[in-house]
Amino acid sequence: MGAVTAAGDPDLYVARIWVESLPDLQPGGRALVRLAPLNPQRWQRLVPGDVITMHEQRPVAGTATIVESAFSVDKDHHL
């Protein structure tokens, strides 16, 4: 998402991902997916229309266009 570490390396944001309404997403396929960020406060700047790159390893695993974002506020962790 454009962030870099102090060493200049890409700062990857980690999220659990699952495909809605399909058992599998084939290479080159398209589907609605949901992301559950492990560190939600880092993802809050995303808005509908933003495009993100998904990495699992090299090469890039895919791209996603944000269509909705919803973050809940935990009373112990103010986001």
Protein backbone atom coordinates (compact mmCIF):
# COMPACT_ATOMS: atom_id res chain seq x y z
CA MET A 1 0.00 0.00 0.00
CA GLY A 2 3.00 2.21 -0.52
CA ALA A 3 4.47 2.10 2.98
CA VAL A 4 8.14 1.29 3.52
CA THR A 5 10.17 0.24 6.54
CA ALA A 6 13.02 2.31 7.95
CA ALA A 7 15.37 0.13 5.83
CA GLY A 8 13.44 1.05 2.67
CA ASP A 9 11.79 -2.36 2.21
CA PRO A 10 8.06 -2.68 1.47
CA ASP A 11 6.03 -2.62 4.69
CA LEU A 12 3.41 -5.29 4.02
CA TYR A 13 0.06 -5.14 5.79
CA VAL A 14 -1.23 -8.58 6.80
CA ALA A 15 -4.86 -9.73 6.61
CA ARG A 16 -6.82 -12.93 6.55
CA ILE A 17 -8.64 -13.23 3.23
CA TRP A 18 -11.59 -15.34 2.13
CA VAL A 19 -13.64 -15.58 -1.04
CA GLU A 20 -17.38 -14.95 -0.81
CA SER A 21 -19.70 -17.47 -2.49
CA LEU A 22 -16.99 -19.60 -4.14
CA PRO A 23 -15.09 -22.63 -2.84
CA ASP A 24 -11.93 -21.55 -4.73
CA LEU A 25 -10.70 -18.60 -6.76
CA GLN A 26 -8.89 -19.83 -9.84
CA PRO A 27 -5.81 -18.01 -11.23
CA GLY A 28 -7.00 -15.02 -13.24
CA GLY A 29 -10.45 -15.26 -11.66
CA ARG A 30 -12.52 -12.50 -10.10
CA ALA A 31 -14.65 -12.63 -6.97
CA LEU A 32 -15.83 -10.66 -3.99
CA VAL A 33 -13.39 -11.23 -1.13
CA ARG A 34 -13.24 -10.08 2.45
CA LEU A 35 -10.15 -9.04 4.33
CA ALA A 36 -9.77 -9.28 8.09
CA PRO A 37 -6.67 -7.20 8.91
CA LEU A 38 -4.46 -8.43 11.73
CA ASN A 39 -3.69 -4.80 12.57
CA PRO A 40 -6.89 -2.90 11.56
CA GLN A 41 -5.70 0.60 12.47
CA ARG A 42 -3.05 0.38 9.73
CA TRP A 43 -5.77 -0.23 7.11
CA GLN A 44 -8.16 2.59 8.04
CA ARG A 45 -6.88 4.95 5.36
CA LEU A 46 -8.34 2.74 2.61
CA VAL A 47 -11.52 4.01 0.98
CA PRO A 48 -13.76 2.62 -1.76
CA GLY A 49 -12.01 2.85 -5.11
CA ASP A 50 -8.50 2.29 -3.72
CA VAL A 51 -6.59 -0.51 -5.43
CA ILE A 52 -4.26 -2.69 -3.37
CA THR A 53 -1.74 -5.33 -4.42
CA MET A 54 -1.91 -8.71 -2.76
CA HIS A 55 1.32 -10.57 -2.00
CA GLU A 56 1.66 -14.12 -0.81
CA GLN A 57 5.05 -14.52 -2.38
CA ARG A 58 6.62 -13.41 -5.63
CA PRO A 59 5.15 -12.82 -8.15
CA VAL A 60 2.24 -10.67 -7.02
CA ALA A 61 -0.82 -12.79 -6.13
CA GLY A 62 -3.38 -10.30 -7.38
CA THR A 63 -4.97 -6.91 -7.03
CA ALA A 64 -8.13 -5.83 -5.28
CA THR A 65 -10.33 -2.77 -5.53
CA ILE A 66 -11.79 -1.67 -2.22
CA VAL A 67 -15.59 -1.50 -2.49
CA GLU A 68 -16.40 -1.05 1.21
CA SER A 69 -14.58 -0.69 4.50
CA ALA A 70 -16.01 -1.22 7.95
CA PHE A 71 -14.04 -1.04 11.16
CA SER A 72 -15.46 -1.69 14.58
CA VAL A 73 -14.07 0.15 17.57
CA ASP A 74 -13.07 -2.03 20.48
CA LYS A 75 -13.53 -0.20 23.79
CA ASP A 76 -10.00 -1.23 24.84
CA HIS A 77 -8.36 -0.29 21.51
CA HIS A 78 -9.38 3.10 20.23
CA LEU A 79 -8.86 3.20 16.48
